[in-house]
């Protein structure tokens, strides 16, 4: 059984990021289990608590870029994907020893809510 104490590292990383970058746009923060490259004695993946910073707004791309730079993520490590009328940028990093995923959601230029080019 995991106890609340297993969230301490993620909470500490969250406080460190928000304190160090208090002037940046507020992300939507979620915690969740993240798989690591480590294996347990039974050769099963080891999970730790990680963070996700999601940016959702008309300024999400600019907000994402500010956080990307602040977290020291190389632009070459940013992935792009899209589905329907939503697209997003994603970058995975480690911050204060905790896995952190940065996401920026946006509506691509030239699409409407119906998903067709305007």
Protein backbone atom coordinates (compact mmCIF):
# COMPACT_ATOMS: atom_id res chain seq x y z
CA UNK A 1 0.00 0.00 0.00
CA UNK A 2 1.30 3.44 -0.87
CA UNK A 3 0.82 6.19 1.65
CA UNK A 4 0.57 9.94 1.23
CA UNK A 5 4.29 10.14 1.98
CA UNK A 6 5.00 8.80 -1.53
CA UNK A 7 3.81 12.17 -2.87
CA UNK A 8 6.36 14.18 -0.90
CA UNK A 9 8.96 14.32 -3.68
CA UNK A 10 6.38 15.42 -6.26
CA UNK A 11 5.00 18.04 -3.88
CA UNK A 12 8.50 19.33 -3.20
CA UNK A 13 9.27 19.57 -6.92
CA UNK A 14 5.99 21.40 -7.48
CA UNK A 15 6.76 23.92 -4.75
CA UNK A 16 10.30 24.37 -6.09
CA UNK A 17 9.07 25.00 -9.65
CA UNK A 18 6.32 27.39 -8.62
CA UNK A 19 8.58 29.29 -6.24
CA UNK A 20 11.43 29.57 -8.75
CA UNK A 21 9.10 30.64 -11.56
CA UNK A 22 6.32 32.48 -9.73
CA UNK A 23 6.08 35.07 -12.53
CA UNK A 24 5.19 32.50 -15.22
CA UNK A 25 1.62 31.71 -16.32
CA UNK A 26 -0.15 29.34 -13.93
CA UNK A 27 -0.35 25.82 -15.37
CA UNK A 28 -3.02 23.27 -14.59
CA UNK A 29 -1.08 20.93 -12.32
CA UNK A 30 -1.81 17.23 -11.95
CA UNK A 31 0.09 14.45 -10.25
CA UNK A 32 0.21 10.88 -11.39
CA UNK A 33 2.35 7.82 -11.41
CA UNK A 34 5.14 7.90 -13.95
CA UNK A 35 7.13 4.91 -15.10
CA UNK A 36 10.90 5.09 -14.69
CA UNK A 37 13.67 3.24 -16.49
CA UNK A 38 14.32 1.27 -13.30
CA UNK A 39 13.14 -2.33 -12.77
CA UNK A 40 12.20 -3.99 -9.49
CA UNK A 41 13.60 -7.41 -8.45
CA UNK A 42 10.77 -9.11 -10.39
CA UNK A 43 11.80 -7.12 -13.52
CA UNK A 44 8.61 -5.03 -13.37
CA UNK A 45 8.80 -1.29 -14.09
CA UNK A 46 9.25 1.02 -11.11
CA UNK A 47 6.72 3.86 -10.79
CA UNK A 48 7.15 7.18 -9.00
CA UNK A 49 4.84 10.14 -8.55
CA UNK A 50 5.35 12.76 -11.24
CA UNK A 51 3.88 16.09 -12.31
CA UNK A 52 2.10 17.35 -15.39
CA UNK A 53 1.91 21.06 -16.18
CA UNK A 54 -0.89 21.66 -18.70
CA UNK A 55 -1.40 25.00 -20.40
CA UNK A 56 -4.85 25.61 -21.91
CA UNK A 57 -5.75 29.01 -23.28
CA UNK A 58 -5.47 31.32 -26.24
CA UNK A 59 -1.91 32.00 -25.04
CA UNK A 60 -0.98 28.33 -24.46
CA UNK A 61 1.82 28.29 -27.05
CA UNK A 62 3.53 31.33 -25.57
CA UNK A 63 2.93 30.03 -22.06
CA UNK A 64 4.39 26.65 -23.04
CA UNK A 65 7.47 28.35 -24.47
CA UNK A 66 8.03 30.34 -21.29
CA UNK A 67 7.85 27.19 -19.17
CA UNK A 68 10.00 25.22 -21.65
CA UNK A 69 12.76 27.80 -21.36
CA UNK A 70 12.43 28.08 -17.58
CA UNK A 71 12.68 24.30 -17.17
CA UNK A 72 15.69 24.14 -19.48
CA UNK A 73 14.03 21.82 -22.00
CA UNK A 74 15.76 21.69 -25.39
CA UNK A 75 13.42 22.65 -28.28
CA UNK A 76 14.51 19.44 -30.04
CA UNK A 77 12.91 17.48 -27.18
CA UNK A 78 9.43 18.91 -27.82
CA UNK A 79 6.94 16.63 -29.55
CA UNK A 80 3.85 17.79 -31.47
CA UNK A 81 0.61 15.90 -32.01
CA UNK A 82 -2.95 16.68 -33.03
CA UNK A 83 -6.38 15.12 -33.01
CA UNK A 84 -9.39 16.78 -34.57
CA UNK A 85 -9.40 20.46 -33.76
CA UNK A 86 -6.94 20.17 -30.87
CA UNK A 87 -3.17 20.09 -31.11
CA UNK A 88 -0.57 20.00 -28.40
CA UNK A 89 3.09 20.27 -27.65
CA UNK A 90 4.64 17.87 -25.16
CA UNK A 91 8.01 17.76 -23.46
CA UNK A 92 9.16 15.37 -20.77
CA UNK A 93 11.88 16.26 -18.32
CA UNK A 94 12.96 15.72 -14.73
CA UNK A 95 12.66 18.61 -12.28
CA UNK A 96 14.05 18.37 -8.75
CA UNK A 97 14.36 14.62 -9.27
CA UNK A 98 10.73 14.17 -10.29
CA UNK A 99 9.38 13.33 -13.78
CA UNK A 100 7.59 16.37 -15.22
CA UNK A 101 5.52 16.51 -18.41
CA UNK A 102 4.86 19.92 -19.96
CA UNK A 103 1.81 20.15 -22.24
CA UNK A 104 0.53 23.09 -24.28
CA UNK A 105 -2.91 22.64 -25.90
CA UNK A 106 -4.11 24.85 -28.73
CA UNK A 107 -6.43 25.05 -31.74
CA UNK A 108 -4.40 25.10 -34.94
CA UNK A 109 -4.80 28.15 -37.16
CA UNK A 110 -7.21 27.50 -40.03
CA UNK A 111 -9.56 25.16 -38.16
CA UNK A 112 -13.00 25.83 -36.81
CA UNK A 113 -14.91 24.06 -34.06
CA UNK A 114 -16.31 21.80 -36.77
CA UNK A 115 -12.75 20.76 -37.64
CA UNK A 116 -12.71 22.08 -41.17
CA UNK A 117 -10.41 24.65 -42.65
CA UNK A 118 -11.70 28.17 -42.41
